[in-house]
Amino acid sequence: MSIQKEIKLRSGDACELCNAHSDLNIYEVSPTPNDTSHKCIQVCETCETQLNDLSQVDPNHWRCLNDSMWSNVPAVQVVAYRMLHHLRGEGWSQDLLDMMYLDEETTAWAKATLPDEGEEAVIHVDSNGAVLQAGDSVVLIKDLKVKGANFIAKRGTPVRRISLVQDNPEHIEGKVNGQQIVIITKYVKKS
């Protein structure tokens, strides 16, 4: 039996994360030392897009992990753990992460691509000290001259679905007037 057929049978022909039944693909959970079905899961297009680009993550979509984190499939457990870890700023996500149990081998696999506990995680905060997450909406609290774009982003302008600059806690990115710009976090407040 091919790996794809084996996974399709195991998953009941549904996304193993959110249980969607359309636009399904095989997702390889890295790092993968060998090519077996135990290292792959079946996911829908929505889950796959967000897994491949964490700046696209919609926290509400991942509430589905409340069910899928209890899967008997280690690869599903690993992806659930990693996504809950990414969303740990959300109260519900941290609660699920606290309840989750993984055996020693699965825990090591899940943590293989996460930053080490000893490493300082880059945390982005707004002007009021509220933690910013990718996908949040913010409001500008000051008129900002946008370099190289010949316009001023006015105070009170909403910026939706921000993305975080991973190596600089003082910078976020978002669209203002249809243009993607870098914004300094001390000039925004979370909305």
C-alpha atoms as a PDB file:
ATOM      1  CA  MET A   1       0.000   0.000   0.000  1.00  0.00           C
ATOM      2  CA  SER A   2       1.382   3.447  -0.918  1.00  0.00           C
ATOM      3  CA  ILE A   3       2.083   6.020   1.800  1.00  0.00           C
ATOM      4  CA  GLN A   4      -0.641   8.295   0.413  1.00  0.00           C
ATOM      5  CA  LYS A   5      -3.266   5.506   0.508  1.00  0.00           C
ATOM      6  CA  GLU A   6      -2.179   4.489   4.003  1.00  0.00           C
ATOM      7  CA  ILE A   7      -2.543   8.065   5.299  1.00  0.00           C
ATOM      8  CA  LYS A   8      -5.874   8.508   3.519  1.00  0.00           C
ATOM      9  CA  LEU A   9      -7.176   5.351   5.178  1.00  0.00           C
ATOM     10  CA  ARG A  10      -5.792   6.307   8.605  1.00  0.00           C
ATOM     11  CA  SER A  11      -7.302   9.816   8.466  1.00  0.00           C
ATOM     12  CA  GLY A  12     -10.728   8.774   7.212  1.00  0.00           C
ATOM     13  CA  ASP A  13     -10.039  11.021   4.184  1.00  0.00           C
ATOM     14  CA  ALA A  14     -10.140  14.190   6.322  1.00  0.00           C
ATOM     15  CA  CYS A  15      -7.658  16.773   7.550  1.00  0.00           C
ATOM     16  CA  GLU A  16      -6.012  15.256  10.616  1.00  0.00           C
ATOM     17  CA  LEU A  17      -5.882  18.686  12.268  1.00  0.00           C
ATOM     18  CA  CYS A  18      -9.223  20.418  11.580  1.00  0.00           C
ATOM     19  CA  ASN A  19     -11.260  17.521  10.103  1.00  0.00           C
ATOM     20  CA  ALA A  20     -11.983  19.343   6.804  1.00  0.00           C
ATOM     21  CA  HIS A  21     -12.840  17.041   3.889  1.00  0.00           C
ATOM     22  CA  SER A  22     -11.736  19.084   0.848  1.00  0.00           C
ATOM     23  CA  ASP A  23      -8.455  20.228  -0.742  1.00  0.00           C
ATOM     24  CA  LEU A  24      -6.394  17.617   1.120  1.00  0.00           C
ATOM     25  CA  ASN A  25      -2.632  17.198   0.799  1.00  0.00           C
ATOM     26  CA  ILE A  26       0.115  15.154   2.442  1.00  0.00           C
ATOM     27  CA  TYR A  27       2.234  17.262   4.826  1.00  0.00           C
ATOM     28  CA  GLU A  28       5.672  16.022   5.842  1.00  0.00           C
ATOM     29  CA  VAL A  29       6.481  16.790   9.471  1.00  0.00           C
ATOM     30  CA  SER A  30      10.150  17.774   9.635  1.00  0.00           C
ATOM     31  CA  PRO A  31      12.752  16.798  10.506  1.00  0.00           C
ATOM     32  CA  THR A  32      12.068  13.429   8.938  1.00  0.00           C
ATOM     33  CA  PRO A  33      14.853  10.846   9.087  1.00  0.00           C
ATOM     34  CA  ASN A  34      13.003   8.374   6.875  1.00  0.00           C
ATOM     35  CA  ASP A  35      10.166   8.398   4.369  1.00  0.00           C
ATOM     36  CA  THR A  36       7.268   6.616   6.037  1.00  0.00           C
ATOM     37  CA  SER A  37       3.621   7.388   6.632  1.00  0.00           C
ATOM     38  CA  HIS A  38       4.397   7.835  10.321  1.00  0.00           C
ATOM     39  CA  LYS A  39       6.213  11.083   9.506  1.00  0.00           C
ATOM     40  CA  CYS A  40       3.394  12.530   7.357  1.00  0.00           C
ATOM     41  CA  ILE A  41      -0.136  13.733   8.010  1.00  0.00           C
ATOM     42  CA  GLN A  42      -3.044  14.666   5.791  1.00  0.00           C
ATOM     43  CA  VAL A  43      -3.988  18.354   5.991  1.00  0.00           C
ATOM     44  CA  CYS A  44      -6.384  20.683   4.231  1.00  0.00           C
ATOM     45  CA  GLU A  45      -5.170  23.630   2.159  1.00  0.00           C
ATOM     46  CA  THR A  46      -6.006  26.116   4.952  1.00  0.00           C
ATOM     47  CA  CYS A  47      -3.919  24.261   7.540  1.00  0.00           C
ATOM     48  CA  GLU A  48      -1.054  23.691   5.090  1.00  0.00           C
ATOM     49  CA  THR A  49      -0.891  27.371   4.089  1.00  0.00           C
ATOM     50  CA  GLN A  50      -0.692  28.453   7.728  1.00  0.00           C
ATOM     51  CA  LEU A  51       1.816  25.738   8.674  1.00  0.00           C
ATOM     52  CA  ASN A  52       4.117  26.815   5.843  1.00  0.00           C
ATOM     53  CA  ASP A  53       3.812  30.556   6.612  1.00  0.00           C
ATOM     54  CA  LEU A  54       3.327  31.328  10.300  1.00  0.00           C
ATOM     55  CA  SER A  55       2.623  34.976   9.473  1.00  0.00           C
ATOM     56  CA  GLN A  56      -0.662  33.744   7.918  1.00  0.00           C
ATOM     57  CA  VAL A  57      -1.828  32.028  11.131  1.00  0.00           C
ATOM     58  CA  ASP A  58      -5.438  32.649  12.144  1.00  0.00           C
ATOM     59  CA  PRO A  59      -5.571  31.715  15.857  1.00  0.00           C
ATOM     60  CA  ASN A  60      -9.308  30.951  15.728  1.00  0.00           C
ATOM     61  CA  HIS A  61      -8.800  28.322  13.019  1.00  0.00           C
ATOM     62  CA  TRP A  62      -6.444  26.436  15.338  1.00  0.00           C
ATOM     63  CA  ARG A  63      -9.026  25.959  18.082  1.00  0.00           C
ATOM     64  CA  CYS A  64      -9.516  22.653  16.252  1.00  0.00           C
ATOM     65  CA  LEU A  65      -6.394  21.444  18.057  1.00  0.00           C
ATOM     66  CA  ASN A  66      -8.589  20.988  21.135  1.00  0.00           C
ATOM     67  CA  ASP A  67      -9.635  17.696  19.493  1.00  0.00           C
ATOM     68  CA  SER A  68      -6.728  16.749  17.234  1.00  0.00           C
ATOM     69  CA  MET A  69      -4.053  17.115  19.953  1.00  0.00           C
ATOM     70  CA  TRP A  70      -5.427  13.851  21.428  1.00  0.00           C
ATOM     71  CA  SER A  71      -4.697  11.912  18.216  1.00  0.00           C
ATOM     72  CA  ASN A  72      -2.834   8.598  18.535  1.00  0.00           C
ATOM     73  CA  VAL A  73      -0.664   9.585  15.532  1.00  0.00           C
ATOM     74  CA  PRO A  74       2.678  11.015  16.756  1.00  0.00           C
ATOM     75  CA  ALA A  75       3.059  13.271  13.679  1.00  0.00           C
ATOM     76  CA  VAL A  76      -0.327  14.883  14.412  1.00  0.00           C
ATOM     77  CA  GLN A  77       0.678  15.341  18.060  1.00  0.00           C
ATOM     78  CA  VAL A  78       3.947  16.999  16.961  1.00  0.00           C
ATOM     79  CA  VAL A  79       2.195  19.485  14.654  1.00  0.00           C
ATOM     80  CA  ALA A  80      -0.421  20.235  17.344  1.00  0.00           C
ATOM     81  CA  TYR A  81       2.305  20.832  19.936  1.00  0.00           C
ATOM     82  CA  ARG A  82       4.287  23.122  17.635  1.00  0.00           C
ATOM     83  CA  MET A  83       1.234  25.189  16.654  1.00  0.00           C
ATOM     84  CA  LEU A  84       0.053  25.482  20.265  1.00  0.00           C
ATOM     85  CA  HIS A  85       3.587  26.553  21.178  1.00  0.00           C
ATOM     86  CA  HIS A  86       3.477  29.199  18.415  1.00  0.00           C
ATOM     87  CA  LEU A  87       0.094  30.440  19.692  1.00  0.00           C
ATOM     88  CA  ARG A  88       0.993  30.271  23.394  1.00  0.00           C
ATOM     89  CA  GLY A  89       0.191  34.000  23.737  1.00  0.00           C
ATOM     90  CA  GLU A  90      -3.472  33.054  23.343  1.00  0.00           C
ATOM     91  CA  GLY A  91      -4.965  32.032  26.689  1.00  0.00           C
ATOM     92  CA  TRP A  92      -6.785  28.975  25.326  1.00  0.00           C
ATOM     93  CA  SER A  93      -3.668  27.750  23.538  1.00  0.00           C
ATOM     94  CA  GLN A  94      -1.529  27.835  26.660  1.00  0.00           C
ATOM     95  CA  ASP A  95      -4.260  25.909  28.521  1.00  0.00           C
ATOM     96  CA  LEU A  96      -4.245  23.179  25.841  1.00  0.00           C
ATOM     97  CA  LEU A  97      -0.443  23.067  25.844  1.00  0.00           C
ATOM     98  CA  ASP A  98      -0.489  22.586  29.628  1.00  0.00           C
ATOM     99  CA  MET A  99      -2.896  19.629  29.267  1.00  0.00           C
ATOM    100  CA  MET A 100      -1.068  17.959  26.388  1.00  0.00           C
ATOM    101  CA  TYR A 101       0.943  14.807  27.059  1.00  0.00           C
ATOM    102  CA  LEU A 102       3.600  13.455  24.698  1.00  0.00           C
ATOM    103  CA  ASP A 103       5.924  10.523  25.273  1.00  0.00           C
ATOM    104  CA  GLU A 104       9.642  11.276  25.473  1.00  0.00           C
ATOM    105  CA  GLU A 105      10.453  10.485  21.836  1.00  0.00           C
ATOM    106  CA  THR A 106       7.508  12.508  20.470  1.00  0.00           C
ATOM    107  CA  THR A 107       8.395  15.450  22.751  1.00  0.00           C
ATOM    108  CA  ALA A 108      11.960  15.468  21.386  1.00  0.00           C
ATOM    109  CA  TRP A 109      10.602  15.406  17.817  1.00  0.00           C
ATOM    110  CA  ALA A 110       8.139  18.225  18.570  1.00  0.00           C
ATOM    111  CA  LYS A 111      10.842  20.417  20.111  1.00  0.00           C
ATOM    112  CA  ALA A 112      13.380  19.741  17.342  1.00  0.00           C
ATOM    113  CA  THR A 113      12.430  22.859  15.351  1.00  0.00           C
ATOM    114  CA  LEU A 114      11.410  25.096  18.259  1.00  0.00           C
ATOM    115  CA  PRO A 115      13.813  27.648  19.766  1.00  0.00           C
ATOM    116  CA  ASP A 116      15.708  26.299  22.766  1.00  0.00           C
ATOM    117  CA  GLU A 117      14.220  27.164  26.137  1.00  0.00           C
ATOM    118  CA  GLY A 118      17.477  28.938  26.999  1.00  0.00           C
ATOM    119  CA  GLU A 119      17.244  31.176  23.926  1.00  0.00           C
ATOM    120  CA  GLU A 120      15.506  34.476  24.371  1.00  0.00           C
ATOM    121  CA  ALA A 121      12.332  34.465  22.329  1.00  0.00           C
ATOM    122  CA  VAL A 122      11.729  37.712  20.445  1.00  0.00           C
ATOM    123  CA  ILE A 123       8.618  39.288  21.947  1.00  0.00           C
ATOM    124  CA  HIS A 124       6.905  42.209  20.256  1.00  0.00           C
ATOM    125  CA  VAL A 125       4.938  44.617  22.463  1.00  0.00           C
ATOM    126  CA  ASP A 126       2.862  47.685  21.608  1.00  0.00           C
ATOM    127  CA  SER A 127       3.053  51.140  23.209  1.00  0.00           C
ATOM    128  CA  ASN A 128       1.023  49.900  26.206  1.00  0.00           C
ATOM    129  CA  GLY A 129       3.109  46.753  26.740  1.00  0.00           C
ATOM    130  CA  ALA A 130       0.523  44.368  25.235  1.00  0.00           C
ATOM    131  CA  VAL A 131       2.129  41.368  23.486  1.00  0.00           C
ATOM    132  CA  LEU A 132       1.641  41.395  19.724  1.00  0.00           C
ATOM    133  CA  GLN A 133       1.110  38.199  17.725  1.00  0.00           C
ATOM    134  CA  ALA A 134       1.197  37.641  13.975  1.00  0.00           C
ATOM    135  CA  GLY A 135      -2.280  38.315  12.590  1.00  0.00           C
ATOM    136  CA  ASP A 136      -3.227  40.899  15.239  1.00  0.00           C
ATOM    137  CA  SER A 137      -4.749  44.262  14.371  1.00  0.00           C
ATOM    138  CA  VAL A 138      -3.182  47.483  15.620  1.00  0.00           C
ATOM    139  CA  VAL A 139      -3.901  51.216  15.387  1.00  0.00           C
ATOM    140  CA  LEU A 140      -1.258  53.879  14.754  1.00  0.00           C
ATOM    141  CA  ILE A 141      -0.939  56.308  17.678  1.00  0.00           C
ATOM    142  CA  LYS A 142       1.187  58.861  15.809  1.00  0.00           C
ATOM    143  CA  ASP A 143       1.395  60.282  12.272  1.00  0.00           C
ATOM    144  CA  LEU A 144       4.247  58.420  10.561  1.00  0.00           C
ATOM    145  CA  LYS A 145       6.113  59.576   7.451  1.00  0.00           C
ATOM    146  CA  VAL A 146       6.596  56.463   5.332  1.00  0.00           C
ATOM    147  CA  LYS A 147      10.085  56.543   3.847  1.00  0.00           C
ATOM    148  CA  GLY A 148      10.188  55.971   0.101  1.00  0.00           C
ATOM    149  CA  ALA A 149       6.412  56.012  -0.285  1.00  0.00           C
ATOM    150  CA  ASN A 150       5.508  59.733  -0.385  1.00  0.00           C
ATOM    151  CA  PHE A 151       2.666  59.562   2.127  1.00  0.00           C
ATOM    152  CA  ILE A 152       2.038  59.966   5.819  1.00  0.00           C
ATOM    153  CA  ALA A 153       0.310  57.164   7.692  1.00  0.00           C
ATOM    154  CA  LYS A 154      -2.157  59.096   9.857  1.00  0.00           C
ATOM    155  CA  ARG A 155      -2.744  58.567  13.562  1.00  0.00           C
ATOM    156  CA  GLY A 156      -5.745  56.298  14.100  1.00  0.00           C
ATOM    157  CA  THR A 157      -5.109  54.274  10.928  1.00  0.00           C
ATOM    158  CA  PRO A 158      -5.928  50.600  11.543  1.00  0.00           C
ATOM    159  CA  VAL A 159      -3.387  47.998  10.400  1.00  0.00           C
ATOM    160  CA  ARG A 160      -4.860  44.507  10.172  1.00  0.00           C
ATOM    161  CA  ARG A 161      -3.140  41.119  10.093  1.00  0.00           C
ATOM    162  CA  ILE A 162       0.316  42.337  11.054  1.00  0.00           C
ATOM    163  CA  SER A 163       3.372  40.146  10.685  1.00  0.00           C
ATOM    164  CA  LEU A 164       6.288  40.168  13.101  1.00  0.00           C
ATOM    165  CA  VAL A 165       9.902  40.883  12.168  1.00  0.00           C
ATOM    166  CA  GLN A 166      11.443  37.801  13.804  1.00  0.00           C
ATOM    167  CA  ASP A 167      14.880  39.218  14.562  1.00  0.00           C
ATOM    168  CA  ASN A 168      13.790  42.676  15.778  1.00  0.00           C
ATOM    169  CA  PRO A 169      11.250  43.069  18.616  1.00  0.00           C
ATOM    170  CA  GLU A 170      10.743  46.753  17.768  1.00  0.00           C
ATOM    171  CA  HIS A 171       9.502  46.171  14.202  1.00  0.00           C
ATOM    172  CA  ILE A 172       6.289  44.779  12.748  1.00  0.00           C
ATOM    173  CA  GLU A 173       5.014  44.809   9.181  1.00  0.00           C
ATOM    174  CA  GLY A 174       1.570  45.649   7.879  1.00  0.00           C
ATOM    175  CA  LYS A 175      -0.322  47.202   4.981  1.00  0.00           C
ATOM    176  CA  VAL A 176      -1.145  50.908   5.043  1.00  0.00           C
ATOM    177  CA  ASN A 177      -2.728  52.498   1.960  1.00  0.00           C
ATOM    178  CA  GLY A 178      -2.252  49.176   0.148  1.00  0.00           C
ATOM    179  CA  GLN A 179       1.516  49.176   0.716  1.00  0.00           C
ATOM    180  CA  GLN A 180       3.439  46.781   2.977  1.00  0.00           C
ATOM    181  CA  ILE A 181       5.513  48.855   5.417  1.00  0.00           C
ATOM    182  CA  VAL A 182       7.669  48.335   8.501  1.00  0.00           C
ATOM    183  CA  ILE A 183       6.249  49.990  11.633  1.00  0.00           C
ATOM    184  CA  ILE A 184       7.992  50.626  14.937  1.00  0.00           C
ATOM    185  CA  THR A 185       6.035  48.929  17.735  1.00  0.00           C
ATOM    186  CA  LYS A 186       6.137  51.935  20.110  1.00  0.00           C
ATOM    187  CA  TYR A 187       3.906  53.816  17.624  1.00  0.00           C
ATOM    188  CA  VAL A 188       1.031  51.310  17.667  1.00  0.00           C
ATOM    189  CA  LYS A 189      -1.516  49.972  20.112  1.00  0.00           C
ATOM    190  CA  LYS A 190      -3.249  46.620  19.872  1.00  0.00           C
ATOM    191  CA  SER A 191      -6.908  46.887  18.920  1.00  0.00           C
END
